[in-house]
């Protein structure tokens, strides 16, 4: 029989030697012996995977063979069989570089897959970093930080999405992002439907590496537009839902980040965060005018400041009674329910009163100010 060998490690030369007796004595005959060399067939079977879930860590080799040796390649180049059985299905439980060798008993050559990578599940974290007033009316700069961390030694690849699902009364006027992964730029508004903007596409994340993304929005909150922007003028605070941050889309500054690790459009990892904004409503009304003496009166006004948003706010309150010039001021005093504000007398030498300076107001709180101004009216002084 002509021998067959598979994947020789070096050049091989077979020969045969025949010893036999003849009438002339012992003879020897030597000749090269024909062999058939077959290379082991290497097949590209698998895309890289990860161990975030069983689906992405499951690999299926061709069926119909008796033995499957699923093998991990160690960092030093040595190999170790992690599963040897008749099953063509392998579920990876550890990150690493793998291949599978499969054959039937008696086969001289065995099929083998090309190496494929199984990465650890990266860590995704979304954090609302800061909320800062811009100086515009009810306008804020809101900053989120997204980190993608590879805690293993095997590189992985990801798509990163960001989805700003704010309360409908909060509108983003600008959006942009930067990152140390080489991705940055402005973001077109409004945001696409979930999973939102694609911040990173097919980004390679080496082992033991973290990528950081900074996402910045400028937003305006309006709870008094009568629904003109399609909102309901009702503020929804964070935490009314059951999402990862105990919040759901449509609440306050809810924002969700997600990672797609296999390019199927269905994210494997999500993390969200949610923050609150204040919204202050001012109302002033005339309560009463009571005569105290001839042509003199106590005039009472009520001013309310209400925070109908979800976060503590702060305000300065100025009151300016710009009466007809024939009135003179004889007294002024105010009382208030605002926390830490003692109220008190107001100067009659000026008609501009500071009722509150850097006054804090918690969400859902109504501060009431009652202002009593004593005036006298004279229409017969010759214009003095």
Protein backbone atom coordinates (compact mmCIF):
# COMPACT_ATOMS: atom_id res chain seq x y z
CA UNK A 1 0.00 0.00 0.00
CA UNK A 2 1.14 3.53 -0.70
CA UNK A 3 1.33 5.34 2.68
CA UNK A 4 -0.49 8.64 3.23
CA UNK A 5 0.71 11.24 5.72
CA UNK A 6 -0.84 14.52 6.80
CA UNK A 7 0.95 17.83 7.38
CA UNK A 8 4.55 16.65 7.78
CA UNK A 9 6.61 18.93 10.01
CA UNK A 10 9.65 18.59 7.68
CA UNK A 11 10.68 16.98 4.40
CA UNK A 12 10.23 13.21 4.52
CA UNK A 13 11.76 10.62 2.23
CA UNK A 14 10.53 7.03 2.49
CA UNK A 15 12.46 4.16 0.93
CA UNK A 16 12.23 0.39 0.95
CA UNK A 17 15.08 -2.07 1.34
CA UNK A 18 14.62 -5.64 0.14
CA UNK A 19 17.02 -8.39 1.23
CA UNK A 20 16.82 -11.75 -0.53
CA UNK A 21 18.90 -14.78 -1.34
CA UNK A 22 19.88 -15.80 -4.82
CA UNK A 23 22.05 -18.55 -6.15
CA UNK A 24 24.87 -16.05 -6.02
CA UNK A 25 24.29 -15.24 -2.40
CA UNK A 26 22.64 -12.45 -0.38
CA UNK A 27 21.37 -9.47 -2.33
CA UNK A 28 19.94 -6.16 -1.29
CA UNK A 29 17.70 -3.87 -3.27
CA UNK A 30 16.88 -0.29 -2.16
CA UNK A 31 14.48 2.14 -3.84
CA UNK A 32 12.52 5.30 -3.03
CA UNK A 33 9.02 4.54 -1.89
CA UNK A 34 6.09 6.63 -3.19
CA UNK A 35 3.99 8.49 -0.60
CA UNK A 36 1.01 10.83 -0.74
CA UNK A 37 1.29 14.01 1.38
CA UNK A 38 -2.01 15.71 2.24
CA UNK A 39 -2.12 19.11 3.90
CA UNK A 40 -4.49 19.54 6.80
CA UNK A 41 -7.39 21.62 5.55
CA UNK A 42 -7.95 24.88 7.48
CA UNK A 43 -11.45 26.31 7.19
CA UNK A 44 -12.76 29.78 8.08
CA UNK A 45 -15.80 28.86 10.12
CA UNK A 46 -16.46 31.49 12.77
CA UNK A 47 -16.77 35.20 13.41
CA UNK A 48 -15.20 36.43 16.61
CA UNK A 49 -17.48 36.25 19.64
CA UNK A 50 -17.78 37.29 23.25
CA UNK A 51 -19.07 35.91 26.52
CA UNK A 52 -21.64 38.63 27.24
CA UNK A 53 -24.36 36.06 26.73
CA UNK A 54 -24.61 32.43 25.72
CA UNK A 55 -25.72 33.27 22.17
CA UNK A 56 -22.61 35.33 21.39
CA UNK A 57 -20.35 32.74 23.03
CA UNK A 58 -21.79 29.71 21.19
CA UNK A 59 -19.95 28.28 18.16
CA UNK A 60 -21.20 25.48 15.90
CA UNK A 61 -18.86 23.43 13.69
CA UNK A 62 -20.01 21.37 10.68
CA UNK A 63 -22.01 18.32 11.70
CA UNK A 64 -21.32 14.71 10.77
CA UNK A 65 -17.95 14.06 12.43
CA UNK A 66 -17.17 11.82 15.33
CA UNK A 67 -14.65 13.88 17.28
CA UNK A 68 -14.45 17.64 17.95
CA UNK A 69 -11.48 19.03 19.85
CA UNK A 70 -12.16 22.64 20.90
CA UNK A 71 -8.78 24.10 21.72
CA UNK A 72 -7.53 27.33 23.32
CA UNK A 73 -4.24 28.93 22.32
CA UNK A 74 -2.26 30.00 25.38
CA UNK A 75 -0.34 33.31 25.42
CA UNK A 76 2.94 31.38 25.03
CA UNK A 77 1.67 29.70 21.86
CA UNK A 78 0.98 26.33 23.42
CA UNK A 79 -2.47 24.82 23.04
CA UNK A 80 -4.88 23.07 25.37
CA UNK A 81 -8.02 21.13 24.48
CA UNK A 82 -10.90 22.57 26.53
CA UNK A 83 -13.64 20.32 25.16
CA UNK A 84 -13.25 16.99 23.37
CA UNK A 85 -16.47 15.21 22.49
CA UNK A 86 -18.77 14.19 19.68
CA UNK A 87 -20.66 17.49 19.98
CA UNK A 88 -20.15 20.08 17.27
CA UNK A 89 -21.40 22.86 19.59
CA UNK A 90 -19.09 24.77 21.94
CA UNK A 91 -20.06 27.41 24.49
CA UNK A 92 -17.09 29.52 25.54
CA UNK A 93 -16.93 30.50 29.19
CA UNK A 94 -13.57 32.25 29.12
CA UNK A 95 -12.00 34.82 26.83
CA UNK A 96 -9.18 33.69 24.57
CA UNK A 97 -8.07 32.55 21.12
CA UNK A 98 -9.59 29.22 19.99
CA UNK A 99 -9.81 26.76 17.13
CA UNK A 100 -11.58 23.44 16.62
CA UNK A 101 -10.17 20.26 15.09
CA UNK A 102 -12.78 17.77 13.87
CA UNK A 103 -12.48 14.34 12.24
CA UNK A 104 -13.71 10.77 12.17
CA UNK A 105 -11.79 7.95 13.78
CA UNK A 106 -9.37 6.46 11.24
CA UNK A 107 -8.96 9.70 9.30
CA UNK A 108 -5.36 10.38 8.39
CA UNK A 109 -5.97 14.11 7.99
CA UNK A 110 -8.18 16.18 10.25
CA UNK A 111 -10.08 19.36 9.44
CA UNK A 112 -9.25 22.40 11.55
CA UNK A 113 -10.82 25.86 11.80
CA UNK A 114 -8.97 29.11 11.56
CA UNK A 115 -8.36 30.73 14.91
CA UNK A 116 -11.17 32.87 16.30
CA UNK A 117 -11.26 35.27 19.25
CA UNK A 118 -13.64 35.16 22.17
CA UNK A 119 -13.48 38.41 24.10
CA UNK A 120 -14.56 39.16 27.63
CA UNK A 121 -17.76 41.14 28.01
CA UNK A 122 -16.77 44.82 28.13
CA UNK A 123 -18.06 47.04 30.91
CA UNK A 124 -20.37 49.91 29.93
CA UNK A 125 -21.11 52.82 32.26
CA UNK A 126 -23.26 55.90 31.62
CA UNK A 127 -23.07 58.82 34.07
CA UNK A 128 -24.73 62.23 34.11
CA UNK A 129 -21.68 64.36 34.89
CA UNK A 130 -23.01 67.90 35.25
CA UNK A 131 -25.98 70.24 34.79
CA UNK A 132 -25.01 73.91 34.44
CA UNK A 133 -27.23 76.95 33.75
CA UNK A 134 -26.19 78.75 30.55
CA UNK A 135 -27.67 82.11 31.56
CA UNK A 136 -30.50 81.70 29.08
CA UNK A 137 -34.06 81.40 30.33
CA UNK A 138 -34.53 77.85 31.65
CA UNK A 139 -31.54 76.74 29.56
CA UNK A 140 -28.87 74.31 30.76
CA UNK A 141 -25.75 72.55 29.53
CA UNK A 142 -26.04 68.85 30.34
CA UNK A 143 -22.99 66.59 30.14
CA UNK A 144 -22.89 62.78 30.20
CA UNK A 145 -19.84 60.50 30.35
CA UNK A 146 -19.86 57.04 28.73
CA UNK A 147 -17.02 54.59 29.37
CA UNK A 148 -16.40 51.31 27.57
CA UNK A 149 -13.85 49.15 29.41
CA UNK A 150 -12.19 45.91 28.28
CA UNK A 151 -11.12 44.07 31.40
CA UNK A 152 -9.66 41.11 29.47
CA UNK A 153 -6.54 40.65 27.38
CA UNK A 154 -8.35 39.79 24.13
CA UNK A 155 -9.31 42.74 21.87
CA UNK A 156 -12.98 43.30 21.17
CA UNK A 157 -15.01 45.44 18.78
CA UNK A 158 -18.15 47.44 19.42
CA UNK A 159 -20.72 49.91 18.10
CA UNK A 160 -21.75 52.56 20.67
CA UNK A 161 -25.16 54.24 20.59
CA UNK A 162 -26.58 57.12 22.65
CA UNK A 163 -30.30 57.77 23.02
CA UNK A 164 -31.54 61.01 24.69
CA UNK A 165 -35.12 60.14 25.62
CA UNK A 166 -35.89 63.28 27.66
CA UNK A 167 -39.21 64.40 29.09
CA UNK A 168 -41.16 65.91 26.18
CA UNK A 169 -41.04 69.31 27.92
CA UNK A 170 -37.23 69.30 27.65
CA UNK A 171 -35.85 70.12 24.20
CA UNK A 172 -32.24 69.81 23.09
CA UNK A 173 -31.03 72.72 20.95
CA UNK A 174 -27.51 71.39 20.32
CA UNK A 175 -25.73 68.07 20.82
CA UNK A 176 -22.12 67.00 20.31
CA UNK A 177 -19.55 64.53 21.60
CA UNK A 178 -15.83 63.90 21.93
CA UNK A 179 -13.90 60.73 22.75
CA UNK A 180 -10.42 59.30 23.14
CA UNK A 181 -11.42 56.57 20.66
CA UNK A 182 -10.96 58.97 17.75
CA UNK A 183 -14.66 59.64 17.30
CA UNK A 184 -16.18 63.12 17.79
CA UNK A 185 -18.41 65.72 16.20
CA UNK A 186 -21.81 67.38 16.19
CA UNK A 187 -25.01 65.36 16.37
CA UNK A 188 -28.01 66.12 14.19
CA UNK A 189 -31.27 66.90 15.99
CA UNK A 190 -33.68 65.40 16.65
CA UNK A 191 -31.98 62.16 17.63
CA UNK A 192 -32.84 59.01 15.65
CA UNK A 193 -35.20 56.45 17.12
CA UNK A 194 -33.75 53.97 19.61
CA UNK A 195 -30.97 52.97 19.95
CA UNK A 196 -30.19 56.58 18.95
CA UNK A 197 -27.04 58.15 17.56
CA UNK A 198 -24.15 55.92 16.48
CA UNK A 199 -21.17 57.42 18.36
CA UNK A 200 -18.67 54.68 17.55
CA UNK A 201 -18.81 52.29 14.59
CA UNK A 202 -16.71 49.08 14.56
CA UNK A 203 -14.38 50.49 17.20
CA UNK A 204 -11.54 48.16 18.21
CA UNK A 205 -10.98 48.08 21.97
CA UNK A 206 -7.64 46.47 22.89
CA UNK A 207 -7.29 44.37 26.00
CA UNK A 208 -7.06 46.19 29.34
CA UNK A 209 -8.18 49.46 27.72
CA UNK A 210 -10.93 52.00 28.43
CA UNK A 211 -12.56 54.34 25.91
CA UNK A 212 -14.28 57.48 27.24
CA UNK A 213 -16.98 59.47 25.44
CA UNK A 214 -18.22 62.91 26.56
CA UNK A 215 -21.71 63.77 25.28
CA UNK A 216 -22.89 67.38 25.70
CA UNK A 217 -26.39 68.80 25.23
CA UNK A 218 -27.82 72.29 25.55
CA UNK A 219 -31.44 71.92 26.63
CA UNK A 220 -34.39 74.17 27.42
CA UNK A 221 -37.26 73.21 29.72
CA UNK A 222 -40.69 74.78 29.20
CA UNK A 223 -43.73 73.77 31.19
CA UNK A 224 -45.85 76.77 30.22
CA UNK A 225 -46.14 76.64 26.44
CA UNK A 226 -49.58 75.09 26.42
CA UNK A 227 -48.34 72.02 24.59
CA UNK A 228 -47.27 74.04 21.56
CA UNK A 229 -44.18 71.86 21.14
CA UNK A 230 -46.15 68.63 21.38
CA UNK A 231 -45.42 68.24 25.08
CA UNK A 232 -47.90 67.86 27.91
CA UNK A 233 -46.60 70.62 30.26
CA UNK A 234 -46.37 67.98 33.00
CA UNK A 235 -42.90 67.25 34.34
CA UNK A 236 -42.05 63.55 34.76
CA UNK A 237 -39.37 62.97 37.36
CA UNK A 238 -36.75 60.23 37.24
CA UNK A 239 -37.48 56.97 38.99
CA UNK A 240 -41.09 56.47 38.05
CA UNK A 241 -40.16 53.56 35.79
CA UNK A 242 -38.30 50.28 36.17
CA UNK A 243 -35.27 50.70 33.92
CA UNK A 244 -31.63 50.05 34.93
CA UNK A 245 -31.52 53.49 36.62
CA UNK A 246 -35.06 52.98 37.92
CA UNK A 247 -36.15 55.30 35.14
CA UNK A 248 -37.68 54.97 31.71
CA UNK A 249 -37.60 56.98 28.48
CA UNK A 250 -39.65 60.15 28.70
CA UNK A 251 -38.63 60.98 32.25
CA UNK A 252 -36.65 64.16 32.99
CA UNK A 253 -33.12 63.92 31.53
CA UNK A 254 -33.24 60.17 30.87
CA UNK A 255 -30.40 59.08 28.60
CA UNK A 256 -29.45 55.55 27.53
CA UNK A 257 -26.16 54.20 26.11
CA UNK A 258 -25.88 50.78 24.45
CA UNK A 259 -23.24 48.52 22.92
CA UNK A 260 -23.74 46.29 19.89
CA UNK A 261 -20.93 43.71 19.86
CA UNK A 262 -21.88 41.64 16.83
CA UNK A 263 -23.25 44.19 14.33
CA UNK A 264 -26.74 42.74 14.39
CA UNK A 265 -28.42 46.00 15.43
CA UNK A 266 -29.53 44.49 18.73
CA UNK A 267 -27.37 45.84 21.61
CA UNK A 268 -25.94 43.35 24.08
CA UNK A 269 -25.24 45.90 26.83
CA UNK A 270 -27.12 48.96 28.06
CA UNK A 271 -26.65 51.50 30.84
CA UNK A 272 -28.57 54.69 31.52
CA UNK A 273 -28.72 57.67 33.81
CA UNK A 274 -31.31 60.30 34.59
CA UNK A 275 -31.19 63.81 36.04
CA UNK A 276 -33.64 66.49 37.09
CA UNK A 277 -34.16 70.16 36.18
CA UNK A 278 -35.93 72.87 38.18
CA UNK A 279 -38.67 75.05 36.68
CA UNK A 280 -39.80 78.17 38.56
CA UNK A 281 -43.18 79.82 38.03
CA UNK A 282 -43.80 83.42 39.18
CA UNK A 283 -47.21 84.87 39.95
CA UNK A 284 -48.24 88.22 41.43
CA UNK A 285 -51.68 89.39 42.49
CA UNK A 286 -53.24 92.40 44.24
CA UNK A 287 -54.90 91.24 47.45
CA UNK A 288 -56.46 94.36 48.98
CA UNK A 289 -56.37 98.11 49.42
CA UNK A 290 -57.43 99.34 52.87
CA UNK A 291 -57.81 103.01 53.88
CA UNK A 292 -55.84 103.78 57.04
CA UNK A 293 -56.43 107.54 57.23
CA UNK A 294 -57.52 110.39 54.99
CA UNK A 295 -56.15 109.59 51.50
CA UNK A 296 -53.73 107.03 52.98
CA UNK A 297 -53.89 103.29 52.35
CA UNK A 298 -52.28 99.93 53.00
CA UNK A 299 -51.91 98.11 49.67
CA UNK A 300 -51.30 94.34 49.90
CA UNK A 301 -49.82 92.18 47.12
CA UNK A 302 -49.06 88.49 47.08
CA UNK A 303 -46.12 87.05 45.11
CA UNK A 304 -45.63 83.29 44.71
CA UNK A 305 -42.62 81.40 43.40
CA UNK A 306 -43.31 77.71 42.71
CA UNK A 307 -40.85 75.03 41.60
CA UNK A 308 -42.82 72.62 39.42
CA UNK A 309 -39.67 70.90 38.12
CA UNK A 310 -37.80 67.96 39.60
CA UNK A 311 -34.63 69.52 41.03
CA UNK A 312 -33.90 72.21 43.63
CA UNK A 313 -33.70 75.70 42.16
CA UNK A 314 -32.49 79.13 43.20
CA UNK A 315 -33.75 82.65 42.59
CA UNK A 316 -33.47 86.34 43.36
CA UNK A 317 -36.82 88.08 43.85
CA UNK A 318 -37.19 91.82 43.17
CA UNK A 319 -40.42 93.77 43.72
CA UNK A 320 -40.88 97.17 42.10
CA UNK A 321 -44.12 99.06 42.91
CA UNK A 322 -44.11 101.75 40.23
CA UNK A 323 -47.14 103.75 41.43
CA UNK A 324 -48.47 107.00 40.03
CA UNK A 325 -46.15 109.86 41.06
CA UNK A 326 -48.90 111.42 43.22
CA UNK A 327 -48.44 108.59 45.73
CA UNK A 328 -45.84 108.81 48.48
CA UNK A 329 -44.56 105.77 50.35
CA UNK A 330 -44.98 105.80 54.11
CA UNK A 331 -44.15 102.18 55.00
CA UNK A 332 -43.30 98.82 53.48
CA UNK A 333 -43.02 95.37 54.99
CA UNK A 334 -43.16 91.77 53.79
CA UNK A 335 -43.61 88.29 55.19
CA UNK A 336 -42.78 85.02 53.47
CA UNK A 337 -42.96 81.25 53.75
CA UNK A 338 -39.61 80.85 51.95
CA UNK A 339 -37.22 78.68 53.98
CA UNK A 340 -34.65 80.73 55.91
CA UNK A 341 -36.07 84.06 54.75
CA UNK A 342 -37.13 86.13 57.80
CA UNK A 343 -39.04 88.83 55.90
CA UNK A 344 -39.04 92.31 57.48
CA UNK A 345 -39.27 96.00 56.82
CA UNK A 346 -38.43 97.53 53.46
CA UNK A 347 -36.97 101.01 52.85
CA UNK A 348 -39.45 103.69 51.83
CA UNK A 349 -36.68 105.74 50.26
CA UNK A 350 -36.65 103.33 47.32
CA UNK A 351 -39.51 101.61 45.55
CA UNK A 352 -37.31 98.71 44.42
CA UNK A 353 -37.33 95.97 47.04
CA UNK A 354 -35.08 92.93 47.22
CA UNK A 355 -37.22 90.20 48.76
CA UNK A 356 -34.87 87.26 48.19
CA UNK A 357 -31.22 86.78 47.22
CA UNK A 358 -29.95 83.32 46.18
CA UNK A 359 -33.08 81.83 47.70
CA UNK A 360 -33.14 78.04 47.46
CA UNK A 361 -36.36 76.26 46.62
CA UNK A 362 -36.85 72.51 46.55
CA UNK A 363 -38.86 70.67 43.90
CA UNK A 364 -42.60 70.83 44.49
CA UNK A 365 -42.33 73.83 46.84
CA UNK A 366 -44.41 77.02 46.76
CA UNK A 367 -42.88 80.14 48.36
CA UNK A 368 -45.38 82.88 49.19
CA UNK A 369 -44.47 86.54 49.76
CA UNK A 370 -47.00 89.02 51.21
CA UNK A 371 -46.02 92.66 50.66
CA UNK A 372 -47.80 95.50 52.45
CA UNK A 373 -47.04 99.03 51.24
CA UNK A 374 -48.33 102.13 53.02
CA UNK A 375 -49.05 105.05 50.64
CA UNK A 376 -50.74 108.43 50.69
CA UNK A 377 -52.29 110.12 47.69
CA UNK A 378 -52.19 113.90 47.09
CA UNK A 379 -53.63 115.44 43.93
CA UNK A 380 -53.72 119.05 45.30
CA UNK A 381 -50.09 119.90 46.01
CA UNK A 382 -49.57 121.87 42.82
CA UNK A 383 -47.26 119.27 41.36
CA UNK A 384 -44.79 119.37 44.28
